[in-house]
Amino acid sequence: MATPIVAGAIALLLEKYPCMTNRDVKLRLRERAVDLGLPRNRQGWGLLDVERLLADEV
């Protein structure tokens, strides 16, 4: 069920930053995910925070 949510977040990200590469998107998703404190095999990279993903932080 997460696929359409993540796809929509990536669409918003690419709309804001159209020059991003696939690698840039992947790294940004991983860096901006919120750690849930669960084992990696249960949480993956963590919780997707769209507001944090789209923030202009460097």
PDB file of N, CA and C in Angstrom:
ATOM      1  N   MET A   1       0.804  -1.195   0.000  1.00  0.00           N
ATOM      2  CA  MET A   1       0.000   0.000   0.000  1.00  0.00           C
ATOM      3  C   MET A   1       0.847   1.259   0.000  1.00  0.00           C
ATOM      4  N   ALA A   2       2.126   1.142   0.252  1.00  0.00           N
ATOM      5  CA  ALA A   2       2.980   2.332   0.289  1.00  0.00           C
ATOM      6  C   ALA A   2       3.358   2.830  -1.103  1.00  0.00           C
ATOM      7  N   THR A   3       3.299   1.964  -2.090  1.00  0.00           N
ATOM      8  CA  THR A   3       3.776   2.323  -3.426  1.00  0.00           C
ATOM      9  C   THR A   3       3.126   3.588  -3.990  1.00  0.00           C
ATOM     10  N   PRO A   4       1.793   3.721  -3.970  1.00  0.00           N
ATOM     11  CA  PRO A   4       1.214   4.944  -4.532  1.00  0.00           C
ATOM     12  C   PRO A   4       1.569   6.203  -3.734  1.00  0.00           C
ATOM     13  N   ILE A   5       1.765   6.057  -2.441  1.00  0.00           N
ATOM     14  CA  ILE A   5       2.138   7.208  -1.607  1.00  0.00           C
ATOM     15  C   ILE A   5       3.555   7.668  -1.957  1.00  0.00           C
ATOM     16  N   VAL A   6       4.468   6.714  -2.045  1.00  0.00           N
ATOM     17  CA  VAL A   6       5.858   7.050  -2.371  1.00  0.00           C
ATOM     18  C   VAL A   6       5.950   7.585  -3.795  1.00  0.00           C
ATOM     19  N   ALA A   7       5.213   6.987  -4.720  1.00  0.00           N
ATOM     20  CA  ALA A   7       5.220   7.471  -6.109  1.00  0.00           C
ATOM     21  C   ALA A   7       4.717   8.909  -6.186  1.00  0.00           C
ATOM     22  N   GLY A   8       3.681   9.236  -5.438  1.00  0.00           N
ATOM     23  CA  GLY A   8       3.168  10.599  -5.407  1.00  0.00           C
ATOM     24  C   GLY A   8       4.169  11.566  -4.806  1.00  0.00           C
ATOM     25  N   ALA A   9       4.859  11.136  -3.752  1.00  0.00           N
ATOM     26  CA  ALA A   9       5.878  11.983  -3.127  1.00  0.00           C
ATOM     27  C   ALA A   9       7.033  12.234  -4.094  1.00  0.00           C
ATOM     28  N   ILE A  10       7.425  11.205  -4.834  1.00  0.00           N
ATOM     29  CA  ILE A  10       8.495  11.365  -5.814  1.00  0.00           C
ATOM     30  C   ILE A  10       8.047  12.292  -6.943  1.00  0.00           C
ATOM     31  N   ALA A  11       6.793  12.193  -7.348  1.00  0.00           N
ATOM     32  CA  ALA A  11       6.274  13.090  -8.392  1.00  0.00           C
ATOM     33  C   ALA A  11       6.341  14.539  -7.922  1.00  0.00           C
ATOM     34  N   LEU A  12       5.970  14.799  -6.678  1.00  0.00           N
ATOM     35  CA  LEU A  12       6.063  16.153  -6.133  1.00  0.00           C
ATOM     36  C   LEU A  12       7.510  16.624  -6.064  1.00  0.00           C
ATOM     37  N   LEU A  13       8.402  15.718  -5.665  1.00  0.00           N
ATOM     38  CA  LEU A  13       9.818  16.048  -5.572  1.00  0.00           C
ATOM     39  C   LEU A  13      10.380  16.415  -6.942  1.00  0.00           C
ATOM     40  N   LEU A  14      10.043  15.613  -7.958  1.00  0.00           N
ATOM     41  CA  LEU A  14      10.547  15.884  -9.301  1.00  0.00           C
ATOM     42  C   LEU A  14       9.896  17.113  -9.928  1.00  0.00           C
ATOM     43  N   GLU A  15       8.700  17.436  -9.491  1.00  0.00           N
ATOM     44  CA  GLU A  15       8.069  18.669  -9.963  1.00  0.00           C
ATOM     45  C   GLU A  15       8.815  19.881  -9.419  1.00  0.00           C
ATOM     46  N   LYS A  16       9.245  19.772  -8.164  1.00  0.00           N
ATOM     47  CA  LYS A  16       9.964  20.876  -7.531  1.00  0.00           C
ATOM     48  C   LYS A  16      11.417  20.949  -8.002  1.00  0.00           C
ATOM     49  N   TYR A  17      12.045  19.788  -8.202  1.00  0.00           N
ATOM     50  CA  TYR A  17      13.444  19.697  -8.618  1.00  0.00           C
ATOM     51  C   TYR A  17      13.545  18.818  -9.869  1.00  0.00           C
ATOM     52  N   PRO A  18      13.192  19.331 -11.035  1.00  0.00           N
ATOM     53  CA  PRO A  18      13.140  18.495 -12.242  1.00  0.00           C
ATOM     54  C   PRO A  18      14.496  17.973 -12.725  1.00  0.00           C
ATOM     55  N   CYS A  19      15.572  18.528 -12.267  1.00  0.00           N
ATOM     56  CA  CYS A  19      16.895  18.078 -12.717  1.00  0.00           C
ATOM     57  C   CYS A  19      17.466  16.932 -11.880  1.00  0.00           C
ATOM     58  N   MET A  20      16.726  16.457 -10.889  1.00  0.00           N
ATOM     59  CA  MET A  20      17.221  15.369 -10.049  1.00  0.00           C
ATOM     60  C   MET A  20      17.325  14.076 -10.849  1.00  0.00           C
ATOM     61  N   THR A  21      18.387  13.322 -10.574  1.00  0.00           N
ATOM     62  CA  THR A  21      18.563  12.018 -11.201  1.00  0.00           C
ATOM     63  C   THR A  21      17.899  10.950 -10.335  1.00  0.00           C
ATOM     64  N   ASN A  22      17.825   9.732 -10.857  1.00  0.00           N
ATOM     65  CA  ASN A  22      17.276   8.620 -10.070  1.00  0.00           C
ATOM     66  C   ASN A  22      18.059   8.438  -8.774  1.00  0.00           C
ATOM     67  N   ARG A  23      19.370   8.563  -8.880  1.00  0.00           N
ATOM     68  CA  ARG A  23      20.223   8.406  -7.692  1.00  0.00           C
ATOM     69  C   ARG A  23      19.941   9.506  -6.664  1.00  0.00           C
ATOM     70  N   ASP A  24      19.783  10.735  -7.136  1.00  0.00           N
ATOM     71  CA  ASP A  24      19.477  11.859  -6.242  1.00  0.00           C
ATOM     72  C   ASP A  24      18.171  11.620  -5.489  1.00  0.00           C
ATOM     73  N   VAL A  25      17.168  11.137  -6.206  1.00  0.00           N
ATOM     74  CA  VAL A  25      15.863  10.873  -5.586  1.00  0.00           C
ATOM     75  C   VAL A  25      15.999   9.792  -4.521  1.00  0.00           C
ATOM     76  N   LYS A  26      16.685   8.714  -4.853  1.00  0.00           N
ATOM     77  CA  LYS A  26      16.865   7.610  -3.906  1.00  0.00           C
ATOM     78  C   LYS A  26      17.592   8.069  -2.646  1.00  0.00           C
ATOM     79  N   LEU A  27      18.681   8.829  -2.832  1.00  0.00           N
ATOM     80  CA  LEU A  27      19.443   9.316  -1.677  1.00  0.00           C
ATOM     81  C   LEU A  27      18.611  10.257  -0.817  1.00  0.00           C
ATOM     82  N   ARG A  28      17.849  11.126  -1.468  1.00  0.00           N
ATOM     83  CA  ARG A  28      17.019  12.080  -0.710  1.00  0.00           C
ATOM     84  C   ARG A  28      15.929  11.352   0.076  1.00  0.00           C
ATOM     85  N   LEU A  29      15.322  10.343  -0.532  1.00  0.00           N
ATOM     86  CA  LEU A  29      14.318   9.547   0.182  1.00  0.00           C
ATOM     87  C   LEU A  29      14.931   8.897   1.416  1.00  0.00           C
ATOM     88  N   ARG A  30      16.099   8.319   1.255  1.00  0.00           N
ATOM     89  CA  ARG A  30      16.750   7.631   2.371  1.00  0.00           C
ATOM     90  C   ARG A  30      17.187   8.606   3.455  1.00  0.00           C
ATOM     91  N   GLU A  31      17.749   9.747   3.048  1.00  0.00           N
ATOM     92  CA  GLU A  31      18.245  10.720   4.027  1.00  0.00           C
ATOM     93  C   GLU A  31      17.128  11.397   4.806  1.00  0.00           C
ATOM     94  N   ARG A  32      15.967  11.575   4.184  1.00  0.00           N
ATOM     95  CA  ARG A  32      14.869  12.307   4.826  1.00  0.00           C
ATOM     96  C   ARG A  32      13.861  11.397   5.523  1.00  0.00           C
ATOM     97  N   ALA A  33      14.051  10.080   5.456  1.00  0.00           N
ATOM     98  CA  ALA A  33      13.134   9.159   6.141  1.00  0.00           C
ATOM     99  C   ALA A  33      13.317   9.290   7.657  1.00  0.00           C
ATOM    100  N   VAL A  34      12.217   9.147   8.384  1.00  0.00           N
ATOM    101  CA  VAL A  34      12.229   9.259   9.837  1.00  0.00           C
ATOM    102  C   VAL A  34      12.404   7.869  10.431  1.00  0.00           C
ATOM    103  N   ASP A  35      13.470   7.686  11.211  1.00  0.00           N
ATOM    104  CA  ASP A  35      13.749   6.395  11.845  1.00  0.00           C
ATOM    105  C   ASP A  35      12.680   6.106  12.895  1.00  0.00           C
ATOM    106  N   LEU A  36      12.080   4.928  12.812  1.00  0.00           N
ATOM    107  CA  LEU A  36      11.034   4.542  13.743  1.00  0.00           C
ATOM    108  C   LEU A  36      11.570   3.759  14.934  1.00  0.00           C
ATOM    109  N   GLY A  37      12.851   3.465  14.928  1.00  0.00           N
ATOM    110  CA  GLY A  37      13.453   2.717  16.022  1.00  0.00           C
ATOM    111  C   GLY A  37      13.182   1.224  15.955  1.00  0.00           C
ATOM    112  N   LEU A  38      12.738   0.753  14.818  1.00  0.00           N
ATOM    113  CA  LEU A  38      12.464  -0.669  14.626  1.00  0.00           C
ATOM    114  C   LEU A  38      13.618  -1.305  13.870  1.00  0.00           C
ATOM    115  N   PRO A  39      13.696  -2.646  13.903  1.00  0.00           N
ATOM    116  CA  PRO A  39      14.737  -3.299  13.101  1.00  0.00           C
ATOM    117  C   PRO A  39      14.584  -2.948  11.620  1.00  0.00           C
ATOM    118  N   ARG A  40      15.692  -2.905  10.926  1.00  0.00           N
ATOM    119  CA  ARG A  40      15.718  -2.516   9.510  1.00  0.00           C
ATOM    120  C   ARG A  40      14.785  -3.379   8.658  1.00  0.00           C
ATOM    121  N   ASN A  41      14.674  -4.673   8.987  1.00  0.00           N
ATOM    122  CA  ASN A  41      13.808  -5.553   8.199  1.00  0.00           C
ATOM    123  C   ASN A  41      12.319  -5.293   8.441  1.00  0.00           C
ATOM    124  N   ARG A  42      11.973  -4.473   9.421  1.00  0.00           N
ATOM    125  CA  ARG A  42      10.575  -4.126   9.681  1.00  0.00           C
ATOM    126  C   ARG A  42      10.225  -2.721   9.210  1.00  0.00           C
ATOM    127  N   GLN A  43      11.188  -1.821   9.243  1.00  0.00           N
ATOM    128  CA  GLN A  43      10.874  -0.433   8.906  1.00  0.00           C
ATOM    129  C   GLN A  43      11.470   0.023   7.583  1.00  0.00           C
ATOM    130  N   GLY A  44      12.374  -0.739   7.001  1.00  0.00           N
ATOM    131  CA  GLY A  44      13.043  -0.274   5.790  1.00  0.00           C
ATOM    132  C   GLY A  44      13.862   0.960   6.111  1.00  0.00           C
ATOM    133  N   TRP A  45      13.712   1.995   5.290  1.00  0.00           N
ATOM    134  CA  TRP A  45      14.429   3.239   5.558  1.00  0.00           C
ATOM    135  C   TRP A  45      13.723   4.067   6.621  1.00  0.00           C
ATOM    136  N   GLY A  46      12.478   3.774   6.915  1.00  0.00           N
ATOM    137  CA  GLY A  46      11.730   4.512   7.922  1.00  0.00           C
ATOM    138  C   GLY A  46      10.448   5.093   7.356  1.00  0.00           C
ATOM    139  N   LEU A  47       9.910   6.048   8.063  1.00  0.00           N
ATOM    140  CA  LEU A  47       8.642   6.684   7.715  1.00  0.00           C
ATOM    141  C   LEU A  47       8.871   7.811   6.709  1.00  0.00           C
ATOM    142  N   LEU A  48       8.083   7.813   5.667  1.00  0.00           N
ATOM    143  CA  LEU A  48       8.175   8.873   4.657  1.00  0.00           C
ATOM    144  C   LEU A  48       7.512  10.133   5.197  1.00  0.00           C
ATOM    145  N   ASP A  49       8.286  11.214   5.257  1.00  0.00           N
ATOM    146  CA  ASP A  49       7.782  12.513   5.685  1.00  0.00           C
ATOM    147  C   ASP A  49       7.866  13.429   4.463  1.00  0.00           C
ATOM    148  N   VAL A  50       6.753  13.615   3.783  1.00  0.00           N
ATOM    149  CA  VAL A  50       6.734  14.363   2.513  1.00  0.00           C
ATOM    150  C   VAL A  50       7.161  15.808   2.727  1.00  0.00           C
ATOM    151  N   GLU A  51       6.738  16.419   3.812  1.00  0.00           N
ATOM    152  CA  GLU A  51       7.119  17.809   4.072  1.00  0.00           C
ATOM    153  C   GLU A  51       8.650  17.923   4.212  1.00  0.00           C
ATOM    154  N   ARG A  52       9.225  16.999   4.924  1.00  0.00           N
ATOM    155  CA  ARG A  52      10.686  16.988   5.087  1.00  0.00           C
ATOM    156  C   ARG A  52      11.394  16.660   3.772  1.00  0.00           C
ATOM    157  N   LEU A  53      10.793  15.787   2.972  1.00  0.00           N
ATOM    158  CA  LEU A  53      11.351  15.420   1.678  1.00  0.00           C
ATOM    159  C   LEU A  53      11.437  16.616   0.741  1.00  0.00           C
ATOM    160  N   LEU A  54      10.420  17.464   0.780  1.00  0.00           N
ATOM    161  CA  LEU A  54      10.348  18.599  -0.134  1.00  0.00           C
ATOM    162  C   LEU A  54      11.007  19.865   0.421  1.00  0.00           C
ATOM    163  N   ALA A  55      11.468  19.808   1.665  1.00  0.00           N
ATOM    164  CA  ALA A  55      12.096  20.982   2.286  1.00  0.00           C
ATOM    165  C   ALA A  55      13.359  21.373   1.535  1.00  0.00           C
ATOM    166  N   ASP A  56      13.672  22.664   1.551  1.00  0.00           N
ATOM    167  CA  ASP A  56      14.820  23.197   0.823  1.00  0.00           C
ATOM    168  C   ASP A  56      16.134  23.068   1.587  1.00  0.00           C
ATOM    169  N   GLU A  57      16.154  22.227   2.625  1.00  0.00           N
ATOM    170  CA  GLU A  57      17.381  22.021   3.399  1.00  0.00           C
ATOM    171  C   GLU A  57      18.461  21.435   2.506  1.00  0.00           C
ATOM    172  N   VAL A  58      19.682  21.778   2.814  1.00  0.00           N
ATOM    173  CA  VAL A  58      20.806  21.231   2.033  1.00  0.00           C
ATOM    174  C   VAL A  58      21.351  20.020   2.735  1.00  0.00           C
TER     175      VAL A  58
END
